[in-house]
C-alpha atoms as a PDB file:
ATOM      1  CA  UNK A   1     -13.587  21.307 -20.405  1.00  0.00           C
ATOM      2  CA  UNK A   2     -16.384  21.593 -17.861  1.00  0.00           C
ATOM      3  CA  UNK A   3     -13.729  22.168 -15.200  1.00  0.00           C
ATOM      4  CA  UNK A   4     -12.108  24.893 -17.311  1.00  0.00           C
ATOM      5  CA  UNK A   5     -15.422  26.653 -17.902  1.00  0.00           C
ATOM      6  CA  UNK A   6     -16.410  26.420 -14.233  1.00  0.00           C
ATOM      7  CA  UNK A   7     -13.039  27.837 -13.184  1.00  0.00           C
ATOM      8  CA  UNK A   8     -13.294  30.673 -15.709  1.00  0.00           C
ATOM      9  CA  UNK A   9     -16.808  31.485 -14.509  1.00  0.00           C
ATOM     10  CA  UNK A  10     -15.660  31.614 -10.860  1.00  0.00           C
ATOM     11  CA  UNK A  11     -12.750  33.877 -11.795  1.00  0.00           C
ATOM     12  CA  UNK A  12     -14.949  36.284 -13.729  1.00  0.00           C
ATOM     13  CA  UNK A  13     -17.404  36.510 -10.820  1.00  0.00           C
ATOM     14  CA  UNK A  14     -14.662  36.946  -8.232  1.00  0.00           C
ATOM     15  CA  UNK A  15     -12.931  39.616 -10.339  1.00  0.00           C
ATOM     16  CA  UNK A  16     -16.197  41.509 -10.781  1.00  0.00           C
ATOM     17  CA  UNK A  17     -16.128  41.078 -14.558  1.00  0.00           C
ATOM     18  CA  UNK A  18     -19.361  41.085 -16.510  1.00  0.00           C
ATOM     19  CA  UNK A  19     -18.170  38.364 -18.870  1.00  0.00           C
ATOM     20  CA  UNK A  20     -15.923  35.345 -19.072  1.00  0.00           C
ATOM     21  CA  UNK A  21     -13.100  36.355 -21.384  1.00  0.00           C
ATOM     22  CA  UNK A  22     -10.123  34.602 -22.937  1.00  0.00           C
ATOM     23  CA  UNK A  23      -7.794  35.495 -20.047  1.00  0.00           C
ATOM     24  CA  UNK A  24     -10.204  33.756 -17.645  1.00  0.00           C
ATOM     25  CA  UNK A  25     -10.139  30.700 -19.908  1.00  0.00           C
ATOM     26  CA  UNK A  26      -6.328  30.729 -20.097  1.00  0.00           C
ATOM     27  CA  UNK A  27      -6.026  31.020 -16.312  1.00  0.00           C
ATOM     28  CA  UNK A  28      -8.396  28.121 -15.772  1.00  0.00           C
ATOM     29  CA  UNK A  29      -6.608  26.012 -18.414  1.00  0.00           C
ATOM     30  CA  UNK A  30      -3.259  26.530 -16.707  1.00  0.00           C
ATOM     31  CA  UNK A  31      -4.671  25.567 -13.338  1.00  0.00           C
ATOM     32  CA  UNK A  32      -6.558  22.480 -14.449  1.00  0.00           C
ATOM     33  CA  UNK A  33      -4.834  20.921 -17.475  1.00  0.00           C
ATOM     34  CA  UNK A  34      -1.360  19.332 -17.127  1.00  0.00           C
ATOM     35  CA  UNK A  35      -1.113  18.909 -20.907  1.00  0.00           C
ATOM     36  CA  UNK A  36      -1.520  22.667 -21.379  1.00  0.00           C
ATOM     37  CA  UNK A  37       1.151  23.376 -18.745  1.00  0.00           C
ATOM     38  CA  UNK A  38       3.439  20.897 -20.539  1.00  0.00           C
ATOM     39  CA  UNK A  39       3.078  22.949 -23.739  1.00  0.00           C
ATOM     40  CA  UNK A  40       5.176  25.694 -22.161  1.00  0.00           C
ATOM     41  CA  UNK A  41       8.967  25.602 -22.507  1.00  0.00           C
ATOM     42  CA  UNK A  42       9.482  25.667 -18.758  1.00  0.00           C
ATOM     43  CA  UNK A  43       7.849  25.942 -15.397  1.00  0.00           C
ATOM     44  CA  UNK A  44       9.157  29.492 -15.152  1.00  0.00           C
ATOM     45  CA  UNK A  45       7.086  30.467 -18.203  1.00  0.00           C
ATOM     46  CA  UNK A  46       3.991  29.023 -16.563  1.00  0.00           C
ATOM     47  CA  UNK A  47       4.817  30.916 -13.363  1.00  0.00           C
ATOM     48  CA  UNK A  48       5.248  34.216 -15.252  1.00  0.00           C
ATOM     49  CA  UNK A  49       1.934  33.789 -17.067  1.00  0.00           C
ATOM     50  CA  UNK A  50       0.138  32.866 -13.842  1.00  0.00           C
ATOM     51  CA  UNK A  51       1.744  35.904 -12.212  1.00  0.00           C
ATOM     52  CA  UNK A  52       0.239  38.209 -14.824  1.00  0.00           C
ATOM     53  CA  UNK A  53      -3.116  36.504 -14.506  1.00  0.00           C
ATOM     54  CA  UNK A  54      -3.087  36.935 -10.725  1.00  0.00           C
ATOM     55  CA  UNK A  55      -2.165  40.604 -11.175  1.00  0.00           C
ATOM     56  CA  UNK A  56      -5.208  40.915 -13.375  1.00  0.00           C
ATOM     57  CA  UNK A  57      -7.452  39.726 -10.568  1.00  0.00           C
ATOM     58  CA  UNK A  58      -6.001  42.334  -8.190  1.00  0.00           C
ATOM     59  CA  UNK A  59      -6.288  45.310 -10.501  1.00  0.00           C
ATOM     60  CA  UNK A  60      -4.320  44.703 -13.698  1.00  0.00           C
ATOM     61  CA  UNK A  61      -7.535  43.911 -15.557  1.00  0.00           C
ATOM     62  CA  UNK A  62      -9.480  46.970 -14.445  1.00  0.00           C
ATOM     63  CA  UNK A  63      -8.942  48.655 -17.805  1.00  0.00           C
ATOM     64  CA  UNK A  64     -10.515  45.591 -19.447  1.00  0.00           C
ATOM     65  CA  UNK A  65     -13.736  45.880 -17.454  1.00  0.00           C
ATOM     66  CA  UNK A  66     -14.824  48.931 -19.428  1.00  0.00           C
ATOM     67  CA  UNK A  67     -14.866  47.228 -22.841  1.00  0.00           C
ATOM     68  CA  UNK A  68     -16.152  44.029 -24.371  1.00  0.00           C
ATOM     69  CA  UNK A  69     -13.406  41.685 -25.513  1.00  0.00           C
ATOM     70  CA  UNK A  70     -13.608  40.405 -29.032  1.00  0.00           C
ATOM     71  CA  UNK A  71     -16.005  42.792 -30.669  1.00  0.00           C
ATOM     72  CA  UNK A  72     -13.413  43.002 -33.452  1.00  0.00           C
ATOM     73  CA  UNK A  73     -11.809  39.586 -32.945  1.00  0.00           C
ATOM     74  CA  UNK A  74     -10.297  37.661 -35.837  1.00  0.00           C
ATOM     75  CA  UNK A  75     -10.844  34.105 -34.596  1.00  0.00           C
ATOM     76  CA  UNK A  76     -13.499  32.587 -36.834  1.00  0.00           C
ATOM     77  CA  UNK A  77     -14.978  36.043 -37.384  1.00  0.00           C
ATOM     78  CA  UNK A  78     -15.977  36.562 -33.751  1.00  0.00           C
ATOM     79  CA  UNK A  79     -17.940  39.623 -34.763  1.00  0.00           C
ATOM     80  CA  UNK A  80     -20.496  37.173 -36.164  1.00  0.00           C
ATOM     81  CA  UNK A  81     -20.532  34.615 -33.352  1.00  0.00           C
ATOM     82  CA  UNK A  82     -23.781  33.822 -31.652  1.00  0.00           C
ATOM     83  CA  UNK A  83     -23.900  35.889 -28.461  1.00  0.00           C
ATOM     84  CA  UNK A  84     -23.773  33.894 -25.241  1.00  0.00           C
ATOM     85  CA  UNK A  85     -24.873  35.665 -22.072  1.00  0.00           C
ATOM     86  CA  UNK A  86     -21.965  36.181 -19.716  1.00  0.00           C
ATOM     87  CA  UNK A  87     -19.281  35.433 -22.342  1.00  0.00           C
ATOM     88  CA  UNK A  88     -17.153  37.801 -24.424  1.00  0.00           C
ATOM     89  CA  UNK A  89     -17.417  37.312 -28.197  1.00  0.00           C
ATOM     90  CA  UNK A  90     -13.728  36.296 -28.290  1.00  0.00           C
ATOM     91  CA  UNK A  91     -14.265  33.636 -25.608  1.00  0.00           C
ATOM     92  CA  UNK A  92     -17.260  32.245 -27.523  1.00  0.00           C
ATOM     93  CA  UNK A  93     -15.225  32.198 -30.738  1.00  0.00           C
ATOM     94  CA  UNK A  94     -12.364  30.392 -28.983  1.00  0.00           C
ATOM     95  CA  UNK A  95     -14.695  27.716 -27.599  1.00  0.00           C
ATOM     96  CA  UNK A  96     -16.284  27.243 -31.029  1.00  0.00           C
ATOM     97  CA  UNK A  97     -12.839  27.001 -32.661  1.00  0.00           C
ATOM     98  CA  UNK A  98     -11.715  24.434 -30.053  1.00  0.00           C
ATOM     99  CA  UNK A  99     -14.775  22.286 -30.768  1.00  0.00           C
ATOM    100  CA  UNK A 100     -14.147  22.555 -34.511  1.00  0.00           C
ATOM    101  CA  UNK A 101     -10.495  21.475 -34.040  1.00  0.00           C
ATOM    102  CA  UNK A 102     -11.604  18.443 -32.037  1.00  0.00           C
ATOM    103  CA  UNK A 103     -14.231  17.531 -34.640  1.00  0.00           C
ATOM    104  CA  UNK A 104     -11.730  17.920 -37.502  1.00  0.00           C
ATOM    105  CA  UNK A 105      -9.432  15.318 -36.003  1.00  0.00           C
ATOM    106  CA  UNK A 106     -12.407  13.004 -35.507  1.00  0.00           C
ATOM    107  CA  UNK A 107     -12.703  13.229 -31.744  1.00  0.00           C
ATOM    108  CA  UNK A 108     -15.862  11.236 -31.004  1.00  0.00           C
ATOM    109  CA  UNK A 109     -16.738  13.506 -28.071  1.00  0.00           C
ATOM    110  CA  UNK A 110     -16.521  16.719 -30.071  1.00  0.00           C
ATOM    111  CA  UNK A 111     -19.794  16.322 -31.911  1.00  0.00           C
ATOM    112  CA  UNK A 112     -22.251  14.777 -29.520  1.00  0.00           C
ATOM    113  CA  UNK A 113     -21.203  16.079 -26.122  1.00  0.00           C
ATOM    114  CA  UNK A 114     -19.433  19.237 -27.224  1.00  0.00           C
ATOM    115  CA  UNK A 115     -16.101  18.438 -25.591  1.00  0.00           C
ATOM    116  CA  UNK A 116     -12.686  19.472 -26.794  1.00  0.00           C
ATOM    117  CA  UNK A 117      -9.280  19.095 -25.207  1.00  0.00           C
ATOM    118  CA  UNK A 118      -7.323  21.752 -23.373  1.00  0.00           C
ATOM    119  CA  UNK A 119      -4.769  22.025 -26.157  1.00  0.00           C
ATOM    120  CA  UNK A 120      -7.619  22.593 -28.632  1.00  0.00           C
ATOM    121  CA  UNK A 121      -8.724  25.567 -26.561  1.00  0.00           C
ATOM    122  CA  UNK A 122      -5.140  26.780 -26.097  1.00  0.00           C
ATOM    123  CA  UNK A 123      -4.592  26.719 -29.872  1.00  0.00           C
ATOM    124  CA  UNK A 124      -7.866  28.580 -30.401  1.00  0.00           C
ATOM    125  CA  UNK A 125      -6.946  31.218 -27.834  1.00  0.00           C
ATOM    126  CA  UNK A 126      -3.537  31.932 -29.341  1.00  0.00           C
ATOM    127  CA  UNK A 127      -5.095  32.033 -32.794  1.00  0.00           C
ATOM    128  CA  UNK A 128      -6.706  35.385 -31.963  1.00  0.00           C
ATOM    129  CA  UNK A 129      -3.929  37.975 -31.943  1.00  0.00           C
ATOM    130  CA  UNK A 130      -6.247  40.562 -30.386  1.00  0.00           C
ATOM    131  CA  UNK A 131      -7.554  38.579 -27.424  1.00  0.00           C
ATOM    132  CA  UNK A 132      -6.671  39.176 -23.786  1.00  0.00           C
ATOM    133  CA  UNK A 133      -5.104  35.726 -23.380  1.00  0.00           C
ATOM    134  CA  UNK A 134      -2.548  36.568 -26.084  1.00  0.00           C
ATOM    135  CA  UNK A 135      -1.877  39.936 -24.448  1.00  0.00           C
ATOM    136  CA  UNK A 136      -1.137  38.168 -21.159  1.00  0.00           C
ATOM    137  CA  UNK A 137       1.149  35.633 -22.854  1.00  0.00           C
ATOM    138  CA  UNK A 138       3.106  38.353 -24.627  1.00  0.00           C
ATOM    139  CA  UNK A 139       3.475  40.432 -21.462  1.00  0.00           C
ATOM    140  CA  UNK A 140       4.871  37.324 -19.766  1.00  0.00           C
ATOM    141  CA  UNK A 141       7.426  36.882 -22.567  1.00  0.00           C
ATOM    142  CA  UNK A 142       5.768  33.853 -24.159  1.00  0.00           C
ATOM    143  CA  UNK A 143       5.378  33.658 -27.942  1.00  0.00           C
ATOM    144  CA  UNK A 144       1.762  32.659 -28.697  1.00  0.00           C
ATOM    145  CA  UNK A 145       2.601  31.197 -32.132  1.00  0.00           C
ATOM    146  CA  UNK A 146       4.632  28.437 -30.441  1.00  0.00           C
ATOM    147  CA  UNK A 147       1.415  26.912 -29.113  1.00  0.00           C
ATOM    148  CA  UNK A 148      -0.236  26.693 -32.518  1.00  0.00           C
ATOM    149  CA  UNK A 149       2.594  24.435 -33.649  1.00  0.00           C
ATOM    150  CA  UNK A 150       2.417  22.387 -30.434  1.00  0.00           C
ATOM    151  CA  UNK A 151      -1.307  21.830 -30.803  1.00  0.00           C
ATOM    152  CA  UNK A 152      -0.847  20.686 -34.390  1.00  0.00           C
ATOM    153  CA  UNK A 153      -2.888  23.376 -36.057  1.00  0.00           C
ATOM    154  CA  UNK A 154      -2.160  26.354 -38.236  1.00  0.00           C
ATOM    155  CA  UNK A 155      -2.030  29.781 -36.661  1.00  0.00           C
ATOM    156  CA  UNK A 156      -4.974  31.986 -37.526  1.00  0.00           C
ATOM    157  CA  UNK A 157      -2.963  35.086 -36.845  1.00  0.00           C
ATOM    158  CA  UNK A 158      -3.299  37.746 -39.499  1.00  0.00           C
END
């Protein structure tokens, strides 16, 4: 997960965004985690999603720069998440949900070192119907609910 976070941070800085958001996390997951890429039906789905994410970095995401993602998020009540400097509330909620998923299945790394797997984070991202990662998936023609089943957890979509 350190690789995913570092990649998301670099993307946010390069894109001129004030915060790491869920689309940054999704982009970094796709680039760094083969298990997450394998969750997609096909390589063409991955390519379409990456295409939208690249468009974001060259202007597609400009409309997102003017608002904070997740102020009204539904994942684990993101409105009440502890603020983390440089992170959107939805991204913080997704990371917290990923850690909770890992801890629930008894992952020994989840508690002490705060590590979760890429599919834990993917499931957390798609669990927030209002986040930017889900918007990107839908625009690329990918059904976010499919990933909740793949990752073995219930959808938190309302």
